[in-house]
């Protein structure tokens, strides 16, 4: 009979379900939680419970929010005429870190992937189309540069073209600080296609 403590095994199993967490990392996290003082462990558990209960989709952009609207949609200083369409709430965080973008967002919560059973109806594309009115000047398609992300961008752009709104796509290319000799062919071809005049 092996060494087994059922509650510990269950805790490790729960951590292992997290993306990118293997057995060893799950064990480290489980032992970390076990070593917390009772009050800190309760605060940790309460933070998970409260986040799960209180966080929902923004009624405008479908980003995560703790109220009716997210802080970006509620802001008076954001440019409501530009909407950046992303796949995931984490993409909003990444773009916001640049401190360059002043428009609003729309979160799709995924990408079209027939192999995984995800079609346009499983995404928030209908909600995006409802947002398009005379005040919207540009839609920036910032889906990931994957087959699914490209397919999603093409699908959305075809829906938006008849609406008379400018549709743009994020530029792709060689990362800053990288050597050209190490870039793959697709990245280099995208960089050449997306070149700009200096």
Foldseek 3Di string as FASTA:
>chain_A
DDDDDPVLVVQLVVQCPDPPDDSVNSNVVSVVLVPDPPVVNVVVVVVVVCCVPQWFAACQAGAIDRDNHHPLVVDPFAQAQEEEEEAHNVVVVVVVVVVPHRHYYHYFVHFDDVVVPDHSVSTCLVSVVVSDDPSHAEYEQEYDPDPRSVVRLVVSVVVCVVVPHHYHYDQAADDPPDDPVPDDPVRHVSCVVPDDDD
